[in-house]
């Protein structure tokens, strides 16, 4: 067993103020509310310069006035995504004075930047980033040497910052401006890399550690076939591109670190308006892409690198079931529902029966999340290549209907029923034209079953993101997902499941009264 990292040192040479600003940007991408960063060094070593660069970077304002807090001791900046407290303890004579100036209250839930931290004695948190700056006259008049030390919980985080910097330098993107991009509900992070005349995307996806065993000695991720490294992404990106689809080209990769530099497909959307609505022609193109892909004979083994292959796991009943059971484990407790004896067993048995014919049917690449956040419109391309695909690392071999449901019952965008039916009809027409053996009735049953399964899973995931991960914004989507679930359960073949849901699952949640004002309310 590898010992936990409790201290990590990163030595950085800062030849000029521009280098200091770059270090500030590197740090800001890994800092968060509640962090403590201490800045030590002699007078004139550059402590305030680095603190000022960090604050301006977080504020997105290079001209922000950031005075030294030498005389005020504390200066607070109410900026997004979190408040910053800049402190200078040079004039503090005793740690007791920190209580008098309200240090604990000011630093709570904020990023704290502290100059002259030695004056605070042992009152500062053990989990912190220590930065010591020293003049480096041998390297130039403006040069500094910075020694960064990550202590306790900050040690692995600083290591990640250092690894990313080394990776970008080695990949030829060391001088790029780094701008955070909106991520997904996973632990992956994305940044846009911008240089004159070119840009790319950094995907930061460290290997996922196994969680606790939940069934047959296996963690949830293994049973549900979730990617634990970037290898599946590399394999699928290559495979999709070989079929003429617009997956991002991988420009640089470090498989061990889980770092990729990807082609930047841009910001083109398949939805428009506020609230967002599907752009029908772009959704039709997505249906065309899926129909074309599903009409191919696709392998379950894909090359990643010489001697390295990735085998797509089968989307089996065990995976479908453990996903559906998220509803029982998270969504029902969110509503305060306790199932009576035997109800869970009935739920599993009903789902096993409903899924049996679906999992026995034709299989193809199931990308798993073919929905609006993962579809990028590319005006400069043509045909189905106009649709950029991202976030497909969890792909499996499974029923074609799953990705069609992902598109037409988008958890984050209202897809009216008539729009859903129009897209579905377009897909079915194309499939019948491309494959004489396409069974419409079989597909319709699979579509309804997988719609019910997927939306069941999503209700559980969004409730879990709220309760476990502190992300209540996902609750705004629950009413929409519940509406999709009702649509799917209306299929006659799912009547026994629909009866179970009617008896045990509340599908009328209205989140408006439960969310902070900053989070958009559901309709």
Protein backbone atom coordinates (compact mmCIF):
# COMPACT_ATOMS: atom_id res chain seq x y z
CA UNK A 1 0.00 0.00 0.00
CA UNK A 2 1.37 3.42 -0.98
CA UNK A 3 1.78 5.83 1.93
CA UNK A 4 -0.32 8.96 1.77
CA UNK A 5 1.56 12.01 0.55
CA UNK A 6 1.79 14.49 3.44
CA UNK A 7 4.32 17.01 2.08
CA UNK A 8 5.29 18.04 -1.42
CA UNK A 9 7.86 20.65 -2.42
CA UNK A 10 7.88 22.47 -5.76
CA UNK A 11 10.74 24.86 -6.52
CA UNK A 12 10.00 27.47 -9.17
CA UNK A 13 12.28 30.13 -10.67
CA UNK A 14 10.47 33.41 -11.43
CA UNK A 15 12.71 35.47 -13.72
CA UNK A 16 10.28 38.39 -13.92
CA UNK A 17 6.81 39.60 -12.97
CA UNK A 18 5.31 37.85 -15.99
CA UNK A 19 6.52 34.53 -14.61
CA UNK A 20 4.97 35.44 -11.25
CA UNK A 21 1.65 36.07 -13.00
CA UNK A 22 1.90 32.67 -14.72
CA UNK A 23 2.50 30.95 -11.39
CA UNK A 24 -0.54 32.76 -9.99
CA UNK A 25 -2.66 31.43 -12.87
CA UNK A 26 -1.39 27.89 -12.29
CA UNK A 27 -2.27 28.11 -8.61
CA UNK A 28 -5.67 29.70 -9.12
CA UNK A 29 -6.87 26.78 -11.24
CA UNK A 30 -6.37 24.52 -8.23
CA UNK A 31 -7.42 26.79 -5.35
CA UNK A 32 -10.85 26.73 -3.74
CA UNK A 33 -12.89 28.20 -0.91
CA UNK A 34 -11.50 27.33 2.51
CA UNK A 35 -7.88 27.07 1.33
CA UNK A 36 -5.03 28.73 3.17
CA UNK A 37 -1.98 30.02 1.30
CA UNK A 38 0.84 31.52 3.34
CA UNK A 39 3.43 33.86 1.80
CA UNK A 40 6.77 34.28 3.52
CA UNK A 41 10.03 35.99 2.61
CA UNK A 42 12.01 39.12 3.33
CA UNK A 43 10.74 42.62 2.67
CA UNK A 44 10.62 43.18 -1.08
CA UNK A 45 10.70 39.46 -1.92
CA UNK A 46 7.44 39.68 -3.85
CA UNK A 47 4.80 38.39 -1.42
CA UNK A 48 2.31 41.15 -2.19
CA UNK A 49 3.05 40.91 -5.91
CA UNK A 50 2.11 37.22 -5.97
CA UNK A 51 -0.94 37.75 -3.75
CA UNK A 52 -2.08 40.59 -6.00
CA UNK A 53 -1.64 38.39 -9.09
CA UNK A 54 -3.71 35.61 -7.52
CA UNK A 55 -6.54 37.99 -6.58
CA UNK A 56 -6.59 39.65 -10.00
CA UNK A 57 -6.58 36.27 -11.73
CA UNK A 58 -9.52 35.01 -9.68
CA UNK A 59 -11.40 38.26 -10.28
CA UNK A 60 -10.64 38.18 -14.00
CA UNK A 61 -9.54 41.80 -13.79
CA UNK A 62 -5.88 42.66 -14.40
CA UNK A 63 -6.55 46.25 -13.35
CA UNK A 64 -8.25 45.48 -10.03
CA UNK A 65 -7.00 47.70 -7.23
CA UNK A 66 -5.32 45.41 -4.66
CA UNK A 67 -3.72 47.55 -1.95
CA UNK A 68 -1.36 46.05 0.61
CA UNK A 69 -3.21 45.18 3.85
CA UNK A 70 -0.20 46.16 5.97
CA UNK A 71 -2.19 48.76 7.92
CA UNK A 72 -5.72 47.32 7.66
CA UNK A 73 -4.40 43.79 8.42
CA UNK A 74 -7.30 42.24 6.47
CA UNK A 75 -8.71 43.07 3.05
CA UNK A 76 -11.69 41.07 1.73
CA UNK A 77 -12.64 40.68 -1.94
CA UNK A 78 -16.17 39.44 -2.69
CA UNK A 79 -15.46 37.92 -6.08
CA UNK A 80 -16.59 34.82 -7.92
CA UNK A 81 -16.26 31.91 -7.55
CA UNK A 82 -15.47 32.56 -3.88
CA UNK A 83 -14.38 35.35 -1.55
CA UNK A 84 -10.70 36.05 -0.97
CA UNK A 85 -9.20 37.38 2.27
CA UNK A 86 -5.76 39.00 1.91
CA UNK A 87 -4.04 39.37 5.29
CA UNK A 88 -0.75 40.89 6.38
CA UNK A 89 0.29 39.94 9.93
CA UNK A 90 3.50 41.98 9.96
CA UNK A 91 2.12 44.29 12.67
CA UNK A 92 0.54 41.46 14.71
CA UNK A 93 2.45 41.14 17.97
CA UNK A 94 0.66 38.11 19.38
CA UNK A 95 -1.57 35.33 17.97
CA UNK A 96 -4.23 36.53 20.42
CA UNK A 97 -4.69 39.62 18.26
CA UNK A 98 -6.09 37.48 15.44
CA UNK A 99 -9.22 36.84 17.47
CA UNK A 100 -9.62 40.57 18.05
CA UNK A 101 -9.54 41.33 14.32
CA UNK A 102 -12.03 38.55 13.53
CA UNK A 103 -9.62 36.34 11.60
CA UNK A 104 -11.53 33.03 11.93
CA UNK A 105 -14.82 34.57 10.83
CA UNK A 106 -13.26 36.46 7.93
CA UNK A 107 -11.40 33.40 6.58
CA UNK A 108 -14.32 30.98 6.87
CA UNK A 109 -15.42 29.71 3.42
CA UNK A 110 -12.93 32.03 1.72
CA UNK A 111 -9.52 31.64 0.14
CA UNK A 112 -7.06 33.09 2.66
CA UNK A 113 -3.76 34.62 1.50
CA UNK A 114 -1.56 35.40 4.50
CA UNK A 115 1.67 37.38 4.45
CA UNK A 116 4.03 37.09 7.43
CA UNK A 117 2.28 33.91 8.68
CA UNK A 118 4.89 33.27 11.40
CA UNK A 119 3.19 35.97 13.51
CA UNK A 120 0.12 33.69 13.80
CA UNK A 121 1.99 31.00 15.70
CA UNK A 122 0.22 27.63 15.60
CA UNK A 123 -3.24 29.06 14.87
CA UNK A 124 -3.09 28.50 11.11
CA UNK A 125 -4.60 25.36 9.59
CA UNK A 126 -2.33 22.35 9.11
CA UNK A 127 -3.67 21.78 5.58
CA UNK A 128 -2.12 24.63 3.65
CA UNK A 129 0.12 25.78 0.86
CA UNK A 130 3.27 27.49 2.08
CA UNK A 131 5.13 29.75 -0.36
CA UNK A 132 8.55 31.18 0.50
CA UNK A 133 9.93 33.82 -1.87
CA UNK A 134 13.55 34.89 -2.05
CA UNK A 135 15.42 37.39 -4.17
CA UNK A 136 17.64 35.82 -6.85
CA UNK A 137 20.11 38.56 -7.88
CA UNK A 138 22.29 35.97 -9.63
CA UNK A 139 19.46 35.46 -12.13
CA UNK A 140 18.52 39.08 -12.67
CA UNK A 141 17.30 42.20 -10.91
CA UNK A 142 13.64 41.10 -10.95
CA UNK A 143 14.23 37.37 -10.45
CA UNK A 144 12.85 35.43 -7.51
CA UNK A 145 13.02 31.86 -6.31
CA UNK A 146 9.78 30.40 -4.96
CA UNK A 147 9.62 27.34 -2.76
CA UNK A 148 6.09 25.95 -2.62
CA UNK A 149 5.28 23.33 0.01
CA UNK A 150 1.98 21.51 0.13
CA UNK A 151 1.25 20.31 3.64
CA UNK A 152 -1.12 17.51 4.64
CA UNK A 153 -4.19 17.47 2.36
CA UNK A 154 -2.62 20.14 0.14
CA UNK A 155 0.36 17.94 -0.76
CA UNK A 156 -1.34 15.84 -3.48
CA UNK A 157 -3.07 18.94 -4.85
CA UNK A 158 0.24 20.78 -5.23
CA UNK A 159 1.73 17.71 -6.87
CA UNK A 160 -1.07 17.80 -9.43
CA UNK A 161 -0.41 21.48 -10.13
CA UNK A 162 3.28 20.72 -10.61
CA UNK A 163 2.58 17.72 -12.84
CA UNK A 164 0.24 19.73 -15.06
CA UNK A 165 2.79 22.51 -15.45
CA UNK A 166 5.50 20.01 -16.42
CA UNK A 167 3.13 18.26 -18.84
CA UNK A 168 2.15 21.49 -20.58
CA UNK A 169 5.78 22.60 -20.85
CA UNK A 170 6.73 19.25 -22.37
CA UNK A 171 3.76 19.23 -24.75
CA UNK A 172 4.68 22.64 -26.18
CA UNK A 173 1.82 24.52 -24.47
CA UNK A 174 3.81 26.00 -21.63
CA UNK A 175 3.17 29.62 -22.60
CA UNK A 176 -0.56 29.21 -23.17
CA UNK A 177 -3.10 31.19 -21.23
CA UNK A 178 -5.16 28.72 -19.16
CA UNK A 179 -8.87 29.38 -18.80
CA UNK A 180 -11.20 27.03 -16.91
CA UNK A 181 -14.05 25.49 -18.88
CA UNK A 182 -17.34 24.32 -17.46
CA UNK A 183 -16.96 20.70 -16.42
CA UNK A 184 -19.39 17.87 -15.95
CA UNK A 185 -20.68 16.09 -12.88
CA UNK A 186 -17.52 13.99 -12.61
CA UNK A 187 -14.09 14.69 -11.11
CA UNK A 188 -12.64 15.59 -14.53
CA UNK A 189 -11.53 19.18 -15.13
CA UNK A 190 -11.13 21.04 -18.40
CA UNK A 191 -9.17 24.15 -19.36
CA UNK A 192 -8.90 26.06 -22.60
CA UNK A 193 -5.30 26.69 -23.67
CA UNK A 194 -4.89 29.84 -25.74
CA UNK A 195 -1.84 31.05 -27.64
CA UNK A 196 -1.60 33.45 -30.58
CA UNK A 197 -2.99 31.62 -33.60
CA UNK A 198 -3.94 28.39 -31.86
CA UNK A 199 -5.87 26.93 -28.98
CA UNK A 200 -6.55 23.54 -27.41
CA UNK A 201 -8.25 21.94 -24.40
CA UNK A 202 -6.51 20.41 -21.40
CA UNK A 203 -8.35 17.40 -19.98
CA UNK A 204 -7.33 16.72 -16.39
CA UNK A 205 -8.59 13.24 -15.52
CA UNK A 206 -6.48 11.50 -12.88
CA UNK A 207 -7.02 7.79 -12.48
CA UNK A 208 -10.20 7.13 -10.56
CA UNK A 209 -9.54 5.19 -7.34
CA UNK A 210 -11.82 2.27 -6.62
CA UNK A 211 -14.55 3.05 -4.14
CA UNK A 212 -15.70 0.66 -1.42
CA UNK A 213 -17.06 -2.72 -2.52
CA UNK A 214 -20.82 -2.60 -2.93
CA UNK A 215 -21.63 -5.97 -4.50
CA UNK A 216 -19.73 -9.23 -4.95
CA UNK A 217 -16.60 -7.49 -3.67
CA UNK A 218 -16.64 -4.95 -6.51
CA UNK A 219 -16.99 -1.15 -6.34
CA UNK A 220 -19.81 0.67 -8.13
CA UNK A 221 -17.51 1.93 -10.90
CA UNK A 222 -16.50 -1.61 -11.90
CA UNK A 223 -20.05 -2.93 -11.96
CA UNK A 224 -21.36 0.08 -13.91
CA UNK A 225 -18.32 -0.03 -16.25
CA UNK A 226 -17.13 3.53 -15.65
CA UNK A 227 -13.76 4.53 -17.08
CA UNK A 228 -11.01 4.69 -14.48
CA UNK A 229 -8.26 6.10 -16.75
CA UNK A 230 -8.00 8.17 -19.93
CA UNK A 231 -7.23 5.09 -22.01
CA UNK A 232 -10.88 4.50 -23.03
CA UNK A 233 -11.16 8.12 -24.15
CA UNK A 234 -8.10 7.77 -26.37
CA UNK A 235 -9.45 4.55 -27.88
CA UNK A 236 -12.92 5.92 -28.61
CA UNK A 237 -11.61 9.24 -29.94
CA UNK A 238 -9.51 7.38 -32.47
CA UNK A 239 -12.32 4.96 -33.33
CA UNK A 240 -14.89 7.70 -33.89
CA UNK A 241 -12.51 9.74 -36.02
CA UNK A 242 -11.76 6.69 -38.16
CA UNK A 243 -15.46 6.58 -39.00
CA UNK A 244 -15.48 10.23 -40.08
CA UNK A 245 -16.97 11.62 -36.88
CA UNK A 246 -15.77 14.74 -35.11
CA UNK A 247 -14.22 13.50 -31.92
CA UNK A 248 -11.34 15.72 -30.77
CA UNK A 249 -7.87 14.86 -31.99
CA UNK A 250 -5.49 14.03 -29.15
CA UNK A 251 -2.50 16.38 -29.47
CA UNK A 252 -0.53 15.19 -26.43
CA UNK A 253 -1.09 12.58 -23.75
CA UNK A 254 0.33 11.27 -20.50
CA UNK A 255 -1.59 8.08 -19.72
CA UNK A 256 0.01 7.62 -16.31
CA UNK A 257 -0.97 11.10 -15.13
CA UNK A 258 -4.34 11.19 -16.88
CA UNK A 259 -3.56 14.37 -18.80
CA UNK A 260 -4.52 15.07 -22.41
CA UNK A 261 -4.22 18.06 -24.72
CA UNK A 262 -7.15 17.89 -27.12
CA UNK A 263 -8.25 19.63 -30.26
CA UNK A 264 -10.55 22.51 -29.29
CA UNK A 265 -13.87 21.95 -31.05
CA UNK A 266 -15.17 25.35 -29.96
CA UNK A 267 -18.34 26.51 -28.28
CA UNK A 268 -21.05 25.89 -30.89
CA UNK A 269 -24.24 24.68 -29.23
CA UNK A 270 -27.17 22.50 -30.31
CA UNK A 271 -29.54 24.50 -28.09
CA UNK A 272 -30.50 28.18 -28.01
CA UNK A 273 -32.51 30.62 -25.91
CA UNK A 274 -33.09 31.13 -22.19
CA UNK A 275 -34.27 28.69 -21.04
CA UNK A 276 -32.41 26.64 -23.62
CA UNK A 277 -34.40 24.77 -26.25
CA UNK A 278 -33.26 22.28 -28.89
CA UNK A 279 -32.31 23.62 -32.30
CA UNK A 280 -34.32 21.08 -34.26
CA UNK A 281 -32.06 20.85 -37.31
CA UNK A 282 -29.02 20.24 -35.12
CA UNK A 283 -30.84 17.55 -33.16
CA UNK A 284 -31.82 15.98 -36.48
CA UNK A 285 -28.14 15.92 -37.42
CA UNK A 286 -27.43 14.16 -34.12
CA UNK A 287 -30.09 11.58 -35.01
CA UNK A 288 -28.41 11.13 -38.40
CA UNK A 289 -25.04 10.62 -36.72
CA UNK A 290 -26.45 7.97 -34.41
CA UNK A 291 -28.30 6.21 -37.21
CA UNK A 292 -25.14 6.08 -39.30
CA UNK A 293 -23.03 4.82 -36.39
CA UNK A 294 -25.60 2.21 -35.34
CA UNK A 295 -25.79 0.81 -38.86
CA UNK A 296 -22.10 -0.13 -38.78
CA UNK A 297 -20.56 -3.36 -37.55
CA UNK A 298 -18.37 -2.02 -34.76
CA UNK A 299 -15.63 -3.90 -32.88
CA UNK A 300 -15.42 -4.19 -29.11
CA UNK A 301 -11.61 -3.95 -29.16
CA UNK A 302 -9.90 -0.69 -30.11
CA UNK A 303 -6.22 0.18 -30.43
CA UNK A 304 -4.82 2.87 -28.16
CA UNK A 305 -1.10 2.64 -28.83
CA UNK A 306 1.29 -0.04 -30.12
CA UNK A 307 0.66 -3.04 -27.92
CA UNK A 308 -2.12 -1.32 -25.97
CA UNK A 309 -5.80 -2.08 -26.69
CA UNK A 310 -9.03 -1.14 -24.99
CA UNK A 311 -11.90 -3.60 -24.80
CA UNK A 312 -15.33 -2.02 -24.49
CA UNK A 313 -17.23 -3.78 -21.71
CA UNK A 314 -20.71 -5.12 -22.35
CA UNK A 315 -23.56 -3.02 -20.96
CA UNK A 316 -24.99 -5.97 -19.06
CA UNK A 317 -27.96 -6.36 -16.75
CA UNK A 318 -25.80 -5.98 -13.64
CA UNK A 319 -24.66 -2.55 -14.86
CA UNK A 320 -28.19 -1.45 -15.71
CA UNK A 321 -29.51 -2.66 -12.37
CA UNK A 322 -26.93 -1.02 -10.15
CA UNK A 323 -27.57 2.26 -11.99
CA UNK A 324 -31.32 1.95 -11.51
CA UNK A 325 -30.84 1.23 -7.82
CA UNK A 326 -29.40 4.72 -7.35
CA UNK A 327 -33.04 5.78 -7.22
CA UNK A 328 -33.55 3.62 -4.13
CA UNK A 329 -30.31 4.63 -2.46
CA UNK A 330 -30.44 8.41 -3.05
CA UNK A 331 -33.64 9.73 -4.60
CA UNK A 332 -36.09 8.00 -2.27
CA UNK A 333 -34.15 9.00 0.89
CA UNK A 334 -34.07 12.56 -0.47
CA UNK A 335 -37.88 12.43 -0.31
CA UNK A 336 -37.89 10.67 3.04
CA UNK A 337 -39.35 7.50 1.54
CA UNK A 338 -38.69 4.18 3.28
CA UNK A 339 -39.57 1.14 1.23
CA UNK A 340 -41.66 -1.61 2.85
CA UNK A 341 -40.15 -5.10 3.19
CA UNK A 342 -39.79 -6.83 -0.14
CA UNK A 343 -40.24 -3.70 -2.26
CA UNK A 344 -36.57 -3.47 -3.21
CA UNK A 345 -36.53 -7.09 -4.30
CA UNK A 346 -39.63 -6.50 -6.41
CA UNK A 347 -37.98 -3.45 -8.01
CA UNK A 348 -34.90 -5.46 -9.01
CA UNK A 349 -36.97 -8.40 -10.28
CA UNK A 350 -39.19 -6.15 -12.40
CA UNK A 351 -36.20 -4.38 -13.90
CA UNK A 352 -34.42 -7.67 -14.59
CA UNK A 353 -37.47 -8.90 -16.48
CA UNK A 354 -37.85 -5.65 -18.45
CA UNK A 355 -34.16 -5.48 -19.39
CA UNK A 356 -33.73 -9.12 -20.47
CA UNK A 357 -34.95 -8.69 -24.08
CA UNK A 358 -33.12 -5.36 -24.42
CA UNK A 359 -29.73 -6.72 -23.40
CA UNK A 360 -30.25 -9.77 -25.64
CA UNK A 361 -30.71 -7.58 -28.72
CA UNK A 362 -28.22 -5.97 -31.13
CA UNK A 363 -25.22 -4.20 -29.61
CA UNK A 364 -23.19 -1.22 -30.77
CA UNK A 365 -20.98 1.49 -29.29
CA UNK A 366 -23.04 3.21 -26.60
CA UNK A 367 -21.36 6.55 -25.84
CA UNK A 368 -23.71 6.94 -22.85
CA UNK A 369 -24.04 10.73 -22.71
CA UNK A 370 -25.07 11.95 -26.16
CA UNK A 371 -26.86 15.04 -24.89
CA UNK A 372 -26.62 18.80 -25.34
CA UNK A 373 -23.64 19.55 -23.03
CA UNK A 374 -21.55 17.01 -24.95
CA UNK A 375 -22.50 18.01 -28.50
CA UNK A 376 -20.60 20.84 -30.21
CA UNK A 377 -21.82 22.39 -33.44
CA UNK A 378 -19.10 22.91 -36.06
CA UNK A 379 -20.28 25.32 -38.77
CA UNK A 380 -17.17 24.81 -40.90
CA UNK A 381 -17.76 21.06 -41.34
CA UNK A 382 -20.46 19.19 -43.25
CA UNK A 383 -22.82 16.26 -42.78
CA UNK A 384 -22.70 14.39 -39.50
CA UNK A 385 -19.15 15.73 -39.00
CA UNK A 386 -20.81 19.05 -38.12
CA UNK A 387 -21.50 17.54 -34.71
CA UNK A 388 -18.52 17.40 -32.36
CA UNK A 389 -18.56 14.60 -29.78
CA UNK A 390 -16.97 14.82 -26.33
CA UNK A 391 -17.27 12.93 -23.03
CA UNK A 392 -17.47 9.37 -24.33
CA UNK A 393 -14.88 7.65 -22.12
CA UNK A 394 -17.55 5.50 -20.42
CA UNK A 395 -18.60 3.92 -23.73
CA UNK A 396 -19.79 0.31 -23.67
CA UNK A 397 -21.18 -2.27 -26.07
CA UNK A 398 -24.93 -2.11 -25.66
CA UNK A 399 -28.35 -1.43 -27.16
CA UNK A 400 -28.49 1.36 -29.80
CA UNK A 401 -31.62 2.87 -28.27
CA UNK A 402 -29.70 4.08 -25.20
CA UNK A 403 -27.91 6.95 -26.94
CA UNK A 404 -31.08 7.93 -28.80
CA UNK A 405 -32.77 8.32 -25.41
CA UNK A 406 -29.79 10.37 -24.17
CA UNK A 407 -30.42 12.79 -27.03
CA UNK A 408 -34.21 13.01 -27.05
CA UNK A 409 -34.75 13.02 -23.28
CA UNK A 410 -32.01 15.50 -22.37
CA UNK A 411 -31.78 15.82 -18.60
CA UNK A 412 -30.66 19.47 -18.80
CA UNK A 413 -32.94 20.77 -21.58
CA UNK A 414 -36.69 20.54 -22.03
CA UNK A 415 -37.38 18.47 -25.14
CA UNK A 416 -41.12 18.79 -25.86
CA UNK A 417 -42.85 15.50 -26.63
CA UNK A 418 -43.63 16.49 -30.22
CA UNK A 419 -39.95 17.36 -30.77
CA UNK A 420 -38.89 14.06 -29.23
CA UNK A 421 -41.23 12.16 -31.54
CA UNK A 422 -40.03 14.09 -34.61
CA UNK A 423 -36.37 13.29 -33.88
CA UNK A 424 -37.23 9.70 -33.08
CA UNK A 425 -39.17 9.32 -36.34
CA UNK A 426 -36.22 10.78 -38.26
CA UNK A 427 -33.84 8.27 -36.64
CA UNK A 428 -36.14 5.30 -37.31
CA UNK A 429 -36.62 6.30 -40.96
CA UNK A 430 -32.87 6.51 -41.45
CA UNK A 431 -32.20 3.20 -39.72
CA UNK A 432 -34.80 1.43 -41.87
CA UNK A 433 -33.16 2.86 -44.97
CA UNK A 434 -29.67 1.79 -43.89
CA UNK A 435 -30.53 -1.62 -42.44
CA UNK A 436 -33.23 -3.82 -43.94
CA UNK A 437 -33.23 -5.95 -40.80
CA UNK A 438 -34.00 -3.07 -38.44
CA UNK A 439 -36.91 -4.12 -36.17
CA UNK A 440 -39.01 -1.05 -35.36
CA UNK A 441 -41.15 -2.73 -32.70
CA UNK A 442 -38.11 -4.14 -30.93
CA UNK A 443 -36.45 -0.73 -31.01
CA UNK A 444 -39.56 1.01 -29.64
CA UNK A 445 -39.70 -1.36 -26.68
CA UNK A 446 -35.98 -0.92 -26.03
CA UNK A 447 -36.32 2.87 -26.31
CA UNK A 448 -39.08 3.02 -23.68
CA UNK A 449 -37.27 0.59 -21.36
CA UNK A 450 -33.96 2.43 -21.57
CA UNK A 451 -35.70 5.79 -21.22
CA UNK A 452 -37.18 4.58 -17.94
CA UNK A 453 -33.86 3.11 -16.81
CA UNK A 454 -31.78 6.15 -17.73
CA UNK A 455 -34.11 8.65 -16.08
CA UNK A 456 -34.37 6.44 -13.02
CA UNK A 457 -30.57 6.49 -12.79
CA UNK A 458 -30.39 10.25 -13.32
CA UNK A 459 -32.87 10.98 -10.53
CA UNK A 460 -30.57 9.02 -8.22
CA UNK A 461 -27.40 10.70 -9.51
CA UNK A 462 -28.78 14.22 -9.15
CA UNK A 463 -30.02 13.49 -5.63
CA UNK A 464 -26.57 12.07 -4.81
CA UNK A 465 -24.80 15.13 -6.23
CA UNK A 466 -26.89 17.24 -3.86
CA UNK A 467 -26.55 15.12 -0.72
CA UNK A 468 -23.03 13.74 -1.05
CA UNK A 469 -21.20 16.29 -3.19
CA UNK A 470 -22.86 19.55 -2.10
CA UNK A 471 -24.15 20.42 -5.60
CA UNK A 472 -27.80 21.43 -5.12
CA UNK A 473 -27.97 23.01 -8.58
CA UNK A 474 -28.73 19.59 -10.04
CA UNK A 475 -32.02 19.50 -8.15
CA UNK A 476 -33.43 22.03 -10.64
CA UNK A 477 -33.46 19.25 -13.25
CA UNK A 478 -35.49 16.75 -11.23
CA UNK A 479 -38.95 17.81 -12.48
CA UNK A 480 -37.82 17.52 -16.10
CA UNK A 481 -36.27 14.09 -15.56
CA UNK A 482 -39.43 12.95 -13.77
CA UNK A 483 -41.52 14.01 -16.77
CA UNK A 484 -39.32 11.97 -19.09
CA UNK A 485 -39.61 9.00 -16.75
CA UNK A 486 -43.40 9.21 -16.83
CA UNK A 487 -43.33 9.30 -20.65
CA UNK A 488 -41.25 6.16 -20.80
CA UNK A 489 -43.23 4.25 -18.20
CA UNK A 490 -46.38 4.87 -20.24
CA UNK A 491 -45.30 2.14 -22.69
CA UNK A 492 -47.70 -0.82 -22.29
CA UNK A 493 -44.83 -3.26 -21.96
CA UNK A 494 -43.66 -1.47 -18.80
CA UNK A 495 -47.01 -1.56 -16.99
CA UNK A 496 -45.74 -3.68 -14.05
CA UNK A 497 -42.85 -1.26 -13.48
CA UNK A 498 -45.17 1.73 -13.82
CA UNK A 499 -47.38 0.26 -11.10
CA UNK A 500 -44.39 -0.14 -8.76
CA UNK A 501 -43.29 3.46 -9.35
CA UNK A 502 -46.81 4.77 -8.77
CA UNK A 503 -46.85 3.03 -5.40
CA UNK A 504 -43.40 4.07 -4.14
CA UNK A 505 -41.78 6.94 -6.07
CA UNK A 506 -42.79 10.61 -5.68
CA UNK A 507 -42.30 12.30 -9.05
CA UNK A 508 -43.71 15.73 -8.27
CA UNK A 509 -40.71 17.41 -6.61
CA UNK A 510 -40.61 21.21 -6.98
CA UNK A 511 -37.18 22.50 -5.90
CA UNK A 512 -37.75 26.27 -5.87
CA UNK A 513 -38.22 26.64 -2.11
CA UNK A 514 -35.23 24.46 -1.26
CA UNK A 515 -32.50 26.13 -3.30
CA UNK A 516 -30.39 29.20 -2.62
CA UNK A 517 -31.50 32.30 -4.57
CA UNK A 518 -28.40 32.12 -6.78
CA UNK A 519 -29.54 28.84 -8.33
CA UNK A 520 -32.06 29.12 -11.19
CA UNK A 521 -35.47 27.84 -10.22
CA UNK A 522 -37.27 25.18 -12.18
CA UNK A 523 -40.38 26.02 -14.14
